[in-house]
Protein backbone atom coordinates (compact mmCIF):
# COMPACT_ATOMS: atom_id res chain seq x y z
CA MET A 1 -9.84 -8.35 7.65
CA THR A 2 -8.14 -7.77 10.96
CA ASP A 3 -6.20 -5.03 12.68
CA GLU A 4 -3.01 -7.13 12.79
CA GLU A 5 0.36 -5.42 12.33
CA GLU A 6 1.03 -7.33 9.08
CA TYR A 7 -0.94 -7.95 5.91
CA ARG A 8 -0.22 -10.26 2.97
CA GLY A 9 -2.77 -10.59 0.26
CA PRO A 10 -4.81 -8.98 -2.49
CA ALA A 11 -5.25 -5.26 -2.98
CA THR A 12 -6.37 -2.83 -5.66
CA LEU A 13 -3.94 -0.09 -6.57
CA ARG A 14 -5.67 2.89 -8.20
CA LEU A 15 -3.44 4.81 -10.61
CA ASP A 16 -4.28 7.82 -12.77
CA ASP A 17 -5.40 5.53 -15.60
CA GLY A 18 -7.48 3.09 -13.52
CA PRO A 19 -7.33 0.22 -11.04
CA VAL A 20 -4.70 -2.53 -11.00
CA ALA A 21 -5.12 -5.80 -9.06
CA VAL A 22 -1.97 -6.48 -7.01
CA GLU A 23 -0.62 -8.68 -4.20
CA VAL A 24 1.07 -6.88 -1.30
CA ARG A 25 3.14 -7.64 1.78
CA MET A 26 2.98 -4.90 4.39
CA SER A 27 3.65 -4.25 8.05
CA ALA A 28 2.83 -1.41 10.45
CA ARG A 29 4.28 0.00 13.63
CA PHE A 30 2.78 2.51 16.02
CA GLU A 31 4.90 5.62 16.65
CA PRO A 32 3.95 6.78 20.17
CA ILE A 33 5.58 10.20 19.87
CA GLU A 34 3.65 10.94 16.68
CA GLY A 35 0.53 9.18 17.94
CA ARG A 36 -0.02 7.36 14.65
CA PHE A 37 0.97 4.33 12.63
CA ARG A 38 3.68 4.20 9.98
CA TRP A 39 3.42 1.35 7.51
CA ALA A 40 5.33 0.05 4.51
CA GLY A 41 5.75 -2.96 2.28
CA ARG A 42 6.17 -4.19 -1.28
CA ILE A 43 3.84 -4.78 -4.20
CA ASP A 44 4.58 -8.01 -6.06
CA PRO A 45 5.66 -7.49 -9.69
CA VAL A 46 2.81 -6.56 -12.01
CA GLY A 47 2.72 -5.21 -15.56
CA ASP A 48 4.75 -2.08 -16.16
CA LEU A 49 4.42 -0.70 -12.61
CA ARG A 50 8.18 -0.87 -11.98
CA GLU A 51 8.92 1.17 -15.09
CA ARG A 52 6.22 3.73 -14.28
CA VAL A 53 7.60 4.22 -10.77
CA SER A 54 11.14 4.43 -12.13
CA ARG A 55 9.90 7.21 -14.47
CA GLY A 56 8.44 9.19 -11.57
CA LEU A 57 5.04 7.77 -10.57
CA ARG A 58 4.81 8.39 -6.81
CA GLU A 59 1.16 8.80 -5.78
CA ALA A 60 -1.68 6.27 -5.79
CA THR A 61 -4.41 4.87 -3.59
CA VAL A 62 -4.79 1.32 -2.37
CA THR A 63 -7.80 -0.67 -1.21
CA MET A 64 -7.75 -4.00 0.61
CA PRO A 65 -10.91 -6.13 0.94
CA GLY A 66 -13.21 -4.70 3.61
CA ALA A 67 -11.13 -1.57 4.21
CA PRO A 68 -11.38 2.02 2.94
CA GLU A 69 -9.31 3.46 0.09
CA THR A 70 -6.03 4.93 1.39
CA ARG A 71 -3.48 7.30 -0.19
CA VAL A 72 -0.02 5.76 -0.59
CA ARG A 73 3.44 6.70 -1.75
CA LEU A 74 5.25 4.51 -4.31
CA SER A 75 9.04 4.31 -4.52
CA GLU A 76 12.20 2.24 -4.81
CA PRO A 77 11.58 -0.57 -7.27
CA ASP A 78 13.85 -3.48 -6.34
CA LEU A 79 15.76 -5.87 -8.61
CA TRP A 80 12.83 -8.30 -8.68
CA GLY A 81 10.32 -5.70 -9.90
CA ARG A 82 8.58 -5.18 -6.57
CA VAL A 83 7.59 -1.58 -5.80
CA ARG A 84 7.82 -0.12 -2.29
CA ILE A 85 4.56 1.24 -0.83
CA THR A 86 4.45 3.49 2.26
CA GLY A 87 2.07 5.60 4.29
CA ALA A 88 1.14 6.99 7.68
CA GLY A 89 -2.06 6.84 9.71
CA THR A 90 -4.47 3.95 9.94
CA PRO A 91 -3.01 0.99 7.99
CA PRO A 92 -4.97 0.34 4.80
CA TRP A 93 -5.84 -3.22 5.79
CA PHE A 94 -7.63 -2.22 9.02
CA PRO A 95 -11.39 -2.67 8.59
CA ALA A 96 -13.60 0.32 7.93
CA VAL A 97 -15.18 1.65 11.13
CA SER A 98 -18.94 2.17 11.03
CA ALA A 99 -20.23 5.33 12.65
């Protein structure tokens, strides 16, 4: 795990009916006026996720190895079955900070 601006790799998407193992490609950018990160990417095709998002599924959480669970927004399935994933704040692939 690193605090790089891009992440490609495994993740666990938690939906209302349980966890789903996925592969993601994501990138982040810092918005200086807002003082926080905005990040987005795509989830590789898996199961019926595209259909569920097309029917209205919009909220989930995602966890990458070594990082905390993060709330995400799901939207815009593409022609290849990949689902868009977006969020704001600390990118979900940044390592957990110990207090």
